[in-house]
């Protein structure tokens, strides 16, 4: 596992979000799923925060949002994971839900969809889609993200299959790793 996976800010300002994905069957997680990550530069990371503390809503740029294509597969390999270039639809948005004691509570919504052709066997084409709901916190005085927790819920299937397979993905990050231990 990466040492900065889902926690803290690296010396150069980069942030690595932790990603877990898993299939579901009859409402229960099956198999172990996969772990993954996406790393953002300090400048990119600012896109997850309100552009202005008084902003009601904002959009995560599509060039960044497509990187969450890895949340559409429970296997971290080229045969089934869509690439950012294979994303067919994406719209991820943030909004400020409330501000209390200098901390803004953020809400995130959106969706992502992809059409993935297996590179080793072109006859296998996967469709995948998921909706996003999530929360975050932002310190207004320090102008920095404090936490982020996103849940993607969706389905994936081979084009020739009649029924899709449910999947879920969690994206998590906390500025202070100690805060997570206090919750556990």
N, C-alpha and C. Protein backbone atom coordinates (compact mmCIF):
# COMPACT_ATOMS: atom_id res chain seq x y z
N UNK A 1 0.84 -1.18 0.00
CA UNK A 1 0.00 0.00 0.00
C UNK A 1 0.89 1.25 0.00
N UNK A 2 0.40 2.30 -0.60
CA UNK A 2 1.14 3.55 -0.64
C UNK A 2 1.16 4.18 0.76
N UNK A 3 2.29 4.76 1.17
CA UNK A 3 2.35 5.34 2.52
C UNK A 3 1.39 6.52 2.71
N UNK A 4 1.08 7.24 1.64
CA UNK A 4 0.19 8.39 1.73
C UNK A 4 -1.21 8.07 1.23
N UNK A 5 -1.53 6.80 1.14
CA UNK A 5 -2.79 6.34 0.56
C UNK A 5 -3.96 6.77 1.44
N UNK A 6 -4.72 7.74 0.96
CA UNK A 6 -5.92 8.19 1.66
C UNK A 6 -5.68 9.07 2.86
N UNK A 7 -4.46 9.57 3.00
CA UNK A 7 -4.21 10.42 4.18
C UNK A 7 -3.09 11.41 3.91
N UNK A 8 -3.23 12.56 4.52
CA UNK A 8 -2.18 13.56 4.52
C UNK A 8 -1.92 14.25 3.19
N UNK A 9 -1.01 15.20 3.28
CA UNK A 9 -0.57 15.97 2.13
C UNK A 9 0.94 15.78 2.02
N UNK A 10 1.41 15.41 0.83
CA UNK A 10 2.84 15.21 0.64
C UNK A 10 3.57 16.55 0.63
N UNK A 11 4.88 16.53 0.78
CA UNK A 11 5.67 17.75 0.89
C UNK A 11 5.48 18.71 -0.28
N UNK A 12 5.26 18.17 -1.46
CA UNK A 12 5.06 19.02 -2.64
C UNK A 12 3.59 19.42 -2.84
N UNK A 13 2.72 19.06 -1.88
CA UNK A 13 1.31 19.42 -1.95
C UNK A 13 0.42 18.37 -2.60
N UNK A 14 1.00 17.27 -3.11
CA UNK A 14 0.20 16.22 -3.73
C UNK A 14 -0.64 15.50 -2.68
N UNK A 15 -1.77 14.97 -3.15
CA UNK A 15 -2.70 14.23 -2.30
C UNK A 15 -3.05 12.94 -3.04
N UNK A 16 -3.03 11.81 -2.31
CA UNK A 16 -3.39 10.52 -2.89
C UNK A 16 -4.69 10.04 -2.26
N UNK A 17 -5.72 9.93 -3.08
CA UNK A 17 -7.01 9.43 -2.60
C UNK A 17 -7.01 7.91 -2.62
N UNK A 18 -7.55 7.30 -1.57
CA UNK A 18 -7.67 5.84 -1.49
C UNK A 18 -8.96 5.43 -2.17
N UNK A 19 -8.90 4.34 -2.95
CA UNK A 19 -10.08 3.82 -3.64
C UNK A 19 -10.23 2.34 -3.34
N UNK A 20 -11.45 1.93 -2.96
CA UNK A 20 -11.81 0.52 -2.80
C UNK A 20 -12.98 0.25 -3.72
N UNK A 21 -12.97 -0.87 -4.43
CA UNK A 21 -14.13 -1.26 -5.23
C UNK A 21 -14.52 -2.69 -4.90
N UNK A 22 -15.82 -3.00 -5.08
CA UNK A 22 -16.29 -4.34 -4.73
C UNK A 22 -17.60 -4.65 -5.46
N UNK A 23 -17.76 -5.91 -5.88
CA UNK A 23 -19.03 -6.37 -6.44
C UNK A 23 -20.02 -6.60 -5.32
N UNK A 24 -21.29 -6.51 -5.67
CA UNK A 24 -22.36 -6.81 -4.71
C UNK A 24 -23.33 -7.79 -5.33
N UNK A 25 -23.85 -8.69 -4.51
CA UNK A 25 -24.85 -9.65 -4.94
C UNK A 25 -25.89 -9.74 -3.85
N UNK A 26 -27.16 -9.48 -4.21
CA UNK A 26 -28.25 -9.48 -3.25
C UNK A 26 -27.95 -8.61 -2.03
N UNK A 27 -27.37 -7.45 -2.29
CA UNK A 27 -27.11 -6.49 -1.23
C UNK A 27 -25.89 -6.75 -0.38
N UNK A 28 -25.11 -7.77 -0.71
CA UNK A 28 -23.93 -8.10 0.10
C UNK A 28 -22.68 -8.07 -0.77
N UNK A 29 -21.60 -7.54 -0.20
CA UNK A 29 -20.34 -7.52 -0.91
C UNK A 29 -19.82 -8.94 -1.10
N UNK A 30 -19.30 -9.23 -2.29
CA UNK A 30 -18.72 -10.54 -2.55
C UNK A 30 -17.29 -10.35 -3.04
N UNK A 31 -16.47 -11.34 -2.77
CA UNK A 31 -15.05 -11.33 -3.12
C UNK A 31 -14.36 -10.17 -2.40
N UNK A 32 -13.11 -10.01 -2.68
CA UNK A 32 -12.35 -8.98 -1.97
C UNK A 32 -12.33 -7.66 -2.69
N UNK A 33 -12.68 -7.63 -3.97
CA UNK A 33 -12.65 -6.37 -4.70
C UNK A 33 -11.23 -5.96 -4.99
N UNK A 34 -11.02 -4.67 -5.12
CA UNK A 34 -9.69 -4.17 -5.46
C UNK A 34 -9.43 -2.86 -4.73
N UNK A 35 -8.17 -2.58 -4.56
CA UNK A 35 -7.78 -1.27 -4.03
C UNK A 35 -7.02 -0.54 -5.13
N UNK A 36 -7.11 0.76 -5.11
CA UNK A 36 -6.45 1.57 -6.12
C UNK A 36 -6.22 2.95 -5.52
N UNK A 37 -5.76 3.87 -6.33
CA UNK A 37 -5.50 5.23 -5.86
C UNK A 37 -5.48 6.17 -7.04
N UNK A 38 -5.68 7.43 -6.74
CA UNK A 38 -5.48 8.49 -7.72
C UNK A 38 -4.79 9.63 -6.98
N UNK A 39 -3.74 10.17 -7.59
CA UNK A 39 -2.95 11.22 -6.96
C UNK A 39 -3.14 12.52 -7.72
N UNK A 40 -3.34 13.60 -6.96
CA UNK A 40 -3.56 14.92 -7.52
C UNK A 40 -2.45 15.86 -7.10
N UNK A 41 -2.05 16.76 -7.98
CA UNK A 41 -1.10 17.82 -7.63
C UNK A 41 -1.81 18.80 -6.69
N UNK A 42 -1.04 19.67 -6.05
CA UNK A 42 -1.64 20.66 -5.15
C UNK A 42 -2.67 21.52 -5.90
N UNK A 43 -2.35 21.91 -7.12
CA UNK A 43 -3.27 22.74 -7.92
C UNK A 43 -4.54 21.96 -8.27
N UNK A 44 -4.39 20.72 -8.70
CA UNK A 44 -5.56 19.90 -9.04
C UNK A 44 -6.43 19.67 -7.81
N UNK A 45 -5.83 19.43 -6.66
CA UNK A 45 -6.56 19.15 -5.44
C UNK A 45 -7.50 20.29 -5.07
N UNK A 46 -7.15 21.51 -5.42
CA UNK A 46 -8.00 22.66 -5.13
C UNK A 46 -9.36 22.59 -5.85
N UNK A 47 -9.43 21.81 -6.92
CA UNK A 47 -10.68 21.67 -7.67
C UNK A 47 -11.77 20.94 -6.87
N UNK A 48 -11.37 20.23 -5.81
CA UNK A 48 -12.34 19.50 -4.99
C UNK A 48 -12.95 20.40 -3.92
N UNK A 49 -12.36 21.57 -3.73
CA UNK A 49 -12.81 22.53 -2.72
C UNK A 49 -13.65 23.62 -3.40
N UNK A 50 -14.46 24.33 -2.62
CA UNK A 50 -15.23 25.42 -3.21
C UNK A 50 -14.27 26.49 -3.77
N UNK A 51 -14.53 27.02 -4.94
CA UNK A 51 -13.65 28.05 -5.49
C UNK A 51 -13.65 29.32 -4.64
N UNK A 52 -14.71 29.48 -3.88
CA UNK A 52 -14.88 30.60 -2.96
C UNK A 52 -15.74 30.06 -1.83
N UNK A 53 -15.41 30.36 -0.55
CA UNK A 53 -16.21 29.82 0.56
C UNK A 53 -17.70 30.12 0.46
N UNK A 54 -18.06 31.18 -0.29
CA UNK A 54 -19.47 31.53 -0.44
C UNK A 54 -20.09 30.86 -1.66
N UNK A 55 -19.29 30.08 -2.39
CA UNK A 55 -19.81 29.41 -3.59
C UNK A 55 -20.88 28.41 -3.20
N UNK A 56 -21.95 28.41 -3.93
CA UNK A 56 -23.03 27.45 -3.68
C UNK A 56 -22.71 26.10 -4.31
N UNK A 57 -22.12 26.13 -5.52
CA UNK A 57 -21.79 24.87 -6.18
C UNK A 57 -20.68 25.09 -7.21
N UNK A 58 -20.05 24.01 -7.62
CA UNK A 58 -19.01 24.05 -8.62
C UNK A 58 -18.90 22.67 -9.26
N UNK A 59 -18.21 22.60 -10.35
CA UNK A 59 -18.05 21.36 -11.10
C UNK A 59 -16.58 20.92 -11.06
N UNK A 60 -16.37 19.62 -10.84
CA UNK A 60 -15.03 19.06 -10.95
C UNK A 60 -14.73 19.00 -12.46
N UNK A 61 -13.61 19.56 -12.91
CA UNK A 61 -13.33 19.54 -14.35
C UNK A 61 -13.34 18.12 -14.93
N UNK A 62 -13.91 17.99 -16.12
CA UNK A 62 -14.04 16.68 -16.76
C UNK A 62 -12.69 15.98 -16.92
N UNK A 63 -11.62 16.75 -17.21
CA UNK A 63 -10.30 16.13 -17.39
C UNK A 63 -9.82 15.45 -16.11
N UNK A 64 -10.33 15.88 -14.97
CA UNK A 64 -10.00 15.22 -13.70
C UNK A 64 -11.04 14.16 -13.36
N UNK A 65 -12.30 14.45 -13.62
CA UNK A 65 -13.38 13.52 -13.27
C UNK A 65 -13.23 12.18 -13.97
N UNK A 66 -12.71 12.16 -15.18
CA UNK A 66 -12.56 10.90 -15.91
C UNK A 66 -11.58 9.96 -15.23
N UNK A 67 -10.71 10.47 -14.38
CA UNK A 67 -9.75 9.63 -13.66
C UNK A 67 -10.45 8.67 -12.69
N UNK A 68 -11.71 8.96 -12.36
CA UNK A 68 -12.46 8.06 -11.49
C UNK A 68 -13.06 6.88 -12.25
N UNK A 69 -12.64 6.70 -13.50
CA UNK A 69 -13.03 5.52 -14.28
C UNK A 69 -12.60 4.26 -13.55
N UNK A 70 -11.57 4.32 -12.76
CA UNK A 70 -11.08 3.16 -11.99
C UNK A 70 -12.10 2.71 -10.95
N UNK A 71 -13.11 3.54 -10.67
CA UNK A 71 -14.18 3.16 -9.73
C UNK A 71 -15.25 2.32 -10.41
N UNK A 72 -15.09 2.04 -11.70
CA UNK A 72 -16.08 1.28 -12.45
C UNK A 72 -15.68 -0.17 -12.68
N UNK A 73 -14.68 -0.64 -11.97
CA UNK A 73 -14.24 -2.03 -12.09
C UNK A 73 -13.73 -2.51 -10.74
N UNK A 74 -14.02 -3.76 -10.43
CA UNK A 74 -13.53 -4.32 -9.17
C UNK A 74 -12.23 -5.08 -9.36
N UNK A 75 -11.64 -4.93 -10.53
CA UNK A 75 -10.36 -5.56 -10.82
C UNK A 75 -9.43 -4.48 -11.38
N UNK A 76 -8.27 -4.35 -10.79
CA UNK A 76 -7.32 -3.31 -11.23
C UNK A 76 -6.40 -3.85 -12.32
N UNK A 77 -6.97 -4.23 -13.45
CA UNK A 77 -6.12 -4.66 -14.56
C UNK A 77 -6.71 -4.17 -15.87
N UNK A 78 -5.93 -4.24 -16.92
CA UNK A 78 -6.33 -3.70 -18.22
C UNK A 78 -7.48 -4.46 -18.87
N UNK A 79 -7.72 -5.69 -18.44
CA UNK A 79 -8.78 -6.46 -19.10
C UNK A 79 -10.17 -5.96 -18.77
N UNK A 80 -10.39 -5.41 -17.58
CA UNK A 80 -11.75 -4.99 -17.24
C UNK A 80 -11.89 -3.56 -16.74
N UNK A 81 -10.80 -2.88 -16.43
CA UNK A 81 -10.91 -1.51 -15.91
C UNK A 81 -10.94 -0.49 -17.05
N UNK A 82 -12.00 0.31 -17.11
CA UNK A 82 -12.04 1.36 -18.13
C UNK A 82 -10.93 2.38 -17.91
N UNK A 83 -10.41 2.90 -18.99
CA UNK A 83 -9.42 3.96 -18.92
C UNK A 83 -10.14 5.31 -18.96
N UNK A 84 -9.48 6.38 -18.57
CA UNK A 84 -10.11 7.70 -18.66
C UNK A 84 -10.60 8.02 -20.08
N UNK A 85 -9.88 7.55 -21.09
CA UNK A 85 -10.27 7.81 -22.48
C UNK A 85 -11.56 7.08 -22.87
N UNK A 86 -11.93 6.04 -22.12
CA UNK A 86 -13.13 5.27 -22.43
C UNK A 86 -14.38 5.78 -21.71
N UNK A 87 -14.24 6.82 -20.92
CA UNK A 87 -15.40 7.39 -20.24
C UNK A 87 -16.29 8.05 -21.29
N UNK A 88 -17.56 7.68 -21.28
CA UNK A 88 -18.52 8.20 -22.26
C UNK A 88 -19.36 9.35 -21.69
N UNK A 89 -19.53 9.37 -20.38
CA UNK A 89 -20.28 10.44 -19.71
C UNK A 89 -19.66 10.66 -18.34
N UNK A 90 -19.56 11.91 -17.93
CA UNK A 90 -19.10 12.21 -16.58
C UNK A 90 -19.56 13.60 -16.19
N UNK A 91 -20.02 13.72 -14.96
CA UNK A 91 -20.44 15.00 -14.41
C UNK A 91 -20.36 14.89 -12.89
N UNK A 92 -19.32 15.45 -12.29
CA UNK A 92 -19.13 15.42 -10.83
C UNK A 92 -19.19 16.85 -10.32
N UNK A 93 -20.01 17.07 -9.30
CA UNK A 93 -20.25 18.42 -8.79
C UNK A 93 -20.14 18.48 -7.28
N UNK A 94 -19.71 19.64 -6.80
CA UNK A 94 -19.65 19.88 -5.36
C UNK A 94 -20.55 21.04 -5.00
N UNK A 95 -20.98 21.07 -3.74
CA UNK A 95 -21.77 22.19 -3.24
C UNK A 95 -21.50 22.35 -1.75
N UNK A 96 -21.70 23.55 -1.26
CA UNK A 96 -21.54 23.84 0.16
C UNK A 96 -22.89 23.61 0.82
N UNK A 97 -22.94 22.65 1.75
CA UNK A 97 -24.19 22.34 2.46
C UNK A 97 -24.42 23.29 3.63
N UNK A 98 -23.33 23.58 4.35
CA UNK A 98 -23.44 24.50 5.48
C UNK A 98 -22.05 24.93 5.90
N UNK A 99 -21.99 26.00 6.68
CA UNK A 99 -20.75 26.48 7.26
C UNK A 99 -20.99 26.67 8.74
N UNK A 100 -20.14 26.06 9.55
CA UNK A 100 -20.27 26.18 11.00
C UNK A 100 -18.87 26.18 11.60
N UNK A 101 -18.61 27.14 12.47
CA UNK A 101 -17.32 27.26 13.16
C UNK A 101 -16.14 27.27 12.20
N UNK A 102 -16.32 27.91 11.05
CA UNK A 102 -15.23 28.04 10.08
C UNK A 102 -14.99 26.83 9.22
N UNK A 103 -15.82 25.79 9.36
CA UNK A 103 -15.68 24.58 8.54
C UNK A 103 -16.90 24.46 7.62
N UNK A 104 -16.63 24.36 6.34
CA UNK A 104 -17.70 24.16 5.36
C UNK A 104 -17.91 22.66 5.18
N UNK A 105 -19.17 22.25 5.26
CA UNK A 105 -19.52 20.87 4.95
C UNK A 105 -19.90 20.84 3.48
N UNK A 106 -19.25 19.96 2.74
CA UNK A 106 -19.43 19.88 1.30
C UNK A 106 -20.23 18.63 0.93
N UNK A 107 -21.04 18.74 -0.11
CA UNK A 107 -21.76 17.60 -0.67
C UNK A 107 -21.32 17.44 -2.11
N UNK A 108 -21.23 16.19 -2.54
CA UNK A 108 -20.84 15.89 -3.92
C UNK A 108 -21.88 14.96 -4.54
N UNK A 109 -22.18 15.20 -5.80
CA UNK A 109 -23.09 14.34 -6.56
C UNK A 109 -22.56 14.22 -7.97
N UNK A 110 -23.09 13.25 -8.69
CA UNK A 110 -22.71 13.13 -10.08
C UNK A 110 -22.84 11.73 -10.62
N UNK A 111 -22.28 11.51 -11.79
CA UNK A 111 -22.32 10.20 -12.41
C UNK A 111 -21.12 10.05 -13.34
N UNK A 112 -20.82 8.80 -13.66
CA UNK A 112 -19.75 8.48 -14.60
C UNK A 112 -20.16 7.20 -15.32
N UNK A 113 -19.84 7.12 -16.60
CA UNK A 113 -20.15 5.92 -17.40
C UNK A 113 -18.99 5.69 -18.37
N UNK A 114 -18.77 4.42 -18.71
CA UNK A 114 -17.69 4.09 -19.64
C UNK A 114 -18.05 2.86 -20.45
N UNK A 115 -17.41 2.74 -21.58
CA UNK A 115 -17.51 1.58 -22.46
C UNK A 115 -16.08 1.09 -22.68
N UNK A 116 -15.77 -0.08 -22.15
CA UNK A 116 -14.39 -0.59 -22.16
C UNK A 116 -14.27 -1.84 -23.02
N UNK A 117 -13.35 -1.80 -23.97
CA UNK A 117 -13.03 -2.97 -24.79
C UNK A 117 -11.75 -3.59 -24.24
N UNK A 118 -11.82 -4.89 -23.94
CA UNK A 118 -10.63 -5.57 -23.42
C UNK A 118 -9.52 -5.51 -24.46
N UNK A 119 -8.33 -5.09 -24.07
CA UNK A 119 -7.25 -4.94 -25.04
C UNK A 119 -6.71 -6.28 -25.57
N UNK A 120 -6.91 -7.36 -24.84
CA UNK A 120 -6.36 -8.66 -25.24
C UNK A 120 -7.37 -9.54 -25.97
N UNK A 121 -8.64 -9.16 -25.90
CA UNK A 121 -9.69 -9.91 -26.59
C UNK A 121 -10.79 -8.90 -26.94
N UNK A 122 -10.71 -8.34 -28.11
CA UNK A 122 -11.59 -7.23 -28.53
C UNK A 122 -13.07 -7.59 -28.58
N UNK A 123 -13.41 -8.89 -28.53
CA UNK A 123 -14.84 -9.25 -28.56
C UNK A 123 -15.51 -9.02 -27.20
N UNK A 124 -14.74 -8.80 -26.16
CA UNK A 124 -15.31 -8.53 -24.83
C UNK A 124 -15.38 -7.03 -24.59
N UNK A 125 -16.60 -6.54 -24.52
CA UNK A 125 -16.84 -5.12 -24.29
C UNK A 125 -17.65 -4.98 -23.00
N UNK A 126 -17.17 -4.16 -22.09
CA UNK A 126 -17.82 -3.94 -20.80
C UNK A 126 -18.50 -2.57 -20.82
N UNK A 127 -19.71 -2.50 -20.28
CA UNK A 127 -20.34 -1.21 -20.01
C UNK A 127 -20.35 -1.06 -18.49
N UNK A 128 -20.16 0.14 -18.04
CA UNK A 128 -20.16 0.40 -16.60
C UNK A 128 -20.67 1.81 -16.36
N UNK A 129 -21.40 1.96 -15.28
CA UNK A 129 -21.90 3.28 -14.91
C UNK A 129 -22.10 3.32 -13.40
N UNK A 130 -21.99 4.51 -12.85
CA UNK A 130 -22.18 4.67 -11.40
C UNK A 130 -22.60 6.10 -11.09
N UNK A 131 -23.34 6.24 -10.01
CA UNK A 131 -23.68 7.56 -9.50
C UNK A 131 -22.81 7.84 -8.27
N UNK A 132 -22.60 9.10 -8.03
CA UNK A 132 -21.77 9.53 -6.91
C UNK A 132 -22.62 10.26 -5.89
N UNK A 133 -22.36 9.97 -4.63
CA UNK A 133 -22.82 10.81 -3.53
C UNK A 133 -21.67 10.85 -2.54
N UNK A 134 -21.42 12.01 -2.01
CA UNK A 134 -20.28 12.11 -1.11
C UNK A 134 -20.32 13.35 -0.26
N UNK A 135 -19.38 13.40 0.67
CA UNK A 135 -19.26 14.53 1.59
C UNK A 135 -17.78 14.90 1.72
N UNK A 136 -17.56 16.07 2.20
CA UNK A 136 -16.21 16.53 2.48
C UNK A 136 -16.29 17.67 3.48
N UNK A 137 -15.14 18.04 4.00
CA UNK A 137 -15.06 19.20 4.88
C UNK A 137 -13.91 20.08 4.41
N UNK A 138 -14.09 21.38 4.62
CA UNK A 138 -13.14 22.37 4.13
C UNK A 138 -12.96 23.45 5.19
N UNK A 139 -11.71 23.72 5.58
CA UNK A 139 -11.38 24.76 6.56
C UNK A 139 -11.30 26.08 5.82
N UNK A 140 -12.24 26.97 6.09
CA UNK A 140 -12.33 28.24 5.36
C UNK A 140 -11.14 29.14 5.67
N UNK A 141 -10.73 29.26 6.92
CA UNK A 141 -9.63 30.14 7.30
C UNK A 141 -8.30 29.68 6.68
N UNK A 142 -8.06 28.38 6.73
CA UNK A 142 -6.80 27.84 6.20
C UNK A 142 -6.86 27.61 4.70
N UNK A 143 -8.07 27.67 4.13
CA UNK A 143 -8.30 27.42 2.70
C UNK A 143 -7.73 26.06 2.29
N UNK A 144 -8.16 25.03 3.05
CA UNK A 144 -7.68 23.68 2.73
C UNK A 144 -8.75 22.63 3.02
N UNK A 145 -8.72 21.60 2.19
CA UNK A 145 -9.60 20.46 2.40
C UNK A 145 -9.18 19.76 3.68
N UNK A 146 -10.16 19.24 4.42
CA UNK A 146 -9.90 18.50 5.66
C UNK A 146 -10.20 17.02 5.45
N UNK A 147 -11.28 16.73 4.73
CA UNK A 147 -11.64 15.32 4.49
C UNK A 147 -12.51 15.19 3.25
N UNK A 148 -12.54 13.96 2.74
CA UNK A 148 -13.35 13.65 1.57
C UNK A 148 -13.78 12.20 1.67
N UNK A 149 -15.06 11.92 1.45
CA UNK A 149 -15.57 10.56 1.43
C UNK A 149 -16.64 10.48 0.35
N UNK A 150 -16.36 9.70 -0.69
CA UNK A 150 -17.27 9.54 -1.81
C UNK A 150 -17.68 8.08 -1.90
N UNK A 151 -18.93 7.86 -2.34
CA UNK A 151 -19.41 6.51 -2.62
C UNK A 151 -19.98 6.50 -4.03
N UNK A 152 -19.44 5.60 -4.85
CA UNK A 152 -19.99 5.37 -6.19
C UNK A 152 -20.79 4.08 -6.12
N UNK A 153 -22.02 4.10 -6.64
CA UNK A 153 -22.85 2.89 -6.72
C UNK A 153 -23.27 2.74 -8.18
N UNK A 154 -23.07 1.52 -8.70
CA UNK A 154 -23.41 1.33 -10.10
C UNK A 154 -23.43 -0.11 -10.52
N UNK A 155 -23.25 -0.29 -11.81
CA UNK A 155 -23.27 -1.63 -12.38
C UNK A 155 -22.22 -1.75 -13.47
N UNK A 156 -21.84 -2.98 -13.74
CA UNK A 156 -20.96 -3.30 -14.86
C UNK A 156 -21.46 -4.59 -15.50
N UNK A 157 -21.23 -4.72 -16.78
CA UNK A 157 -21.63 -5.95 -17.46
C UNK A 157 -20.92 -6.04 -18.81
N UNK A 158 -20.74 -7.27 -19.26
CA UNK A 158 -20.31 -7.48 -20.63
C UNK A 158 -21.51 -7.18 -21.52
N UNK A 159 -21.29 -6.62 -22.68
CA UNK A 159 -22.39 -6.23 -23.56
C UNK A 159 -23.33 -7.40 -23.84
N UNK A 160 -22.80 -8.61 -24.00
CA UNK A 160 -23.67 -9.75 -24.33
C UNK A 160 -24.42 -10.31 -23.11
N UNK A 161 -24.11 -9.88 -21.92
CA UNK A 161 -24.83 -10.36 -20.72
C UNK A 161 -26.18 -9.66 -20.62
N UNK A 162 -27.16 -10.39 -20.09
CA UNK A 162 -28.49 -9.80 -19.96
C UNK A 162 -28.67 -9.00 -18.68
N UNK A 163 -27.95 -9.37 -17.63
CA UNK A 163 -28.12 -8.63 -16.38
C UNK A 163 -26.78 -8.07 -15.90
N UNK A 164 -26.83 -6.84 -15.41
CA UNK A 164 -25.61 -6.20 -14.92
C UNK A 164 -25.21 -6.72 -13.54
N UNK A 165 -23.97 -6.49 -13.18
CA UNK A 165 -23.44 -6.86 -11.87
C UNK A 165 -23.29 -5.58 -11.04
N UNK A 166 -23.95 -5.50 -9.88
CA UNK A 166 -23.81 -4.31 -9.04
C UNK A 166 -22.38 -4.16 -8.52
N UNK A 167 -21.94 -2.93 -8.41
CA UNK A 167 -20.63 -2.65 -7.82
C UNK A 167 -20.71 -1.38 -7.01
N UNK A 168 -19.76 -1.23 -6.12
CA UNK A 168 -19.65 -0.02 -5.32
C UNK A 168 -18.18 0.33 -5.18
N UNK A 169 -17.91 1.60 -5.04
CA UNK A 169 -16.55 2.07 -4.83
C UNK A 169 -16.57 3.16 -3.77
N UNK A 170 -15.55 3.17 -2.95
CA UNK A 170 -15.39 4.20 -1.93
C UNK A 170 -14.09 4.94 -2.23
N UNK A 171 -14.16 6.26 -2.18
CA UNK A 171 -12.99 7.12 -2.34
C UNK A 171 -12.86 7.87 -1.03
N UNK A 172 -11.66 7.82 -0.43
CA UNK A 172 -11.51 8.41 0.90
C UNK A 172 -10.17 9.14 1.02
N UNK A 173 -10.21 10.23 1.79
CA UNK A 173 -8.98 10.96 2.12
C UNK A 173 -9.23 11.79 3.38
N UNK A 174 -8.21 11.87 4.22
CA UNK A 174 -8.24 12.74 5.41
C UNK A 174 -6.91 13.45 5.52
N UNK A 175 -6.97 14.73 5.83
CA UNK A 175 -5.74 15.51 6.00
C UNK A 175 -4.92 14.98 7.17
N UNK A 176 -5.61 14.67 8.27
CA UNK A 176 -4.93 14.24 9.48
C UNK A 176 -5.20 12.76 9.70
N UNK A 177 -4.20 11.92 9.57
CA UNK A 177 -4.37 10.47 9.74
C UNK A 177 -4.83 10.13 11.17
N UNK A 178 -4.46 10.94 12.15
CA UNK A 178 -4.88 10.69 13.53
C UNK A 178 -6.38 10.80 13.69
N UNK A 179 -7.01 11.68 12.91
CA UNK A 179 -8.47 11.84 13.00
C UNK A 179 -9.17 10.55 12.63
N UNK A 180 -8.64 9.83 11.67
CA UNK A 180 -9.25 8.56 11.27
C UNK A 180 -9.16 7.53 12.39
N UNK A 181 -8.01 7.46 13.04
CA UNK A 181 -7.82 6.49 14.12
C UNK A 181 -8.77 6.78 15.29
N UNK A 182 -9.07 8.04 15.51
CA UNK A 182 -9.99 8.39 16.60
C UNK A 182 -11.40 7.90 16.31
N UNK A 183 -11.76 7.84 15.03
CA UNK A 183 -13.10 7.39 14.64
C UNK A 183 -13.21 5.87 14.73
N UNK A 184 -12.14 5.16 14.40
CA UNK A 184 -12.19 3.69 14.32
C UNK A 184 -12.35 3.02 15.65
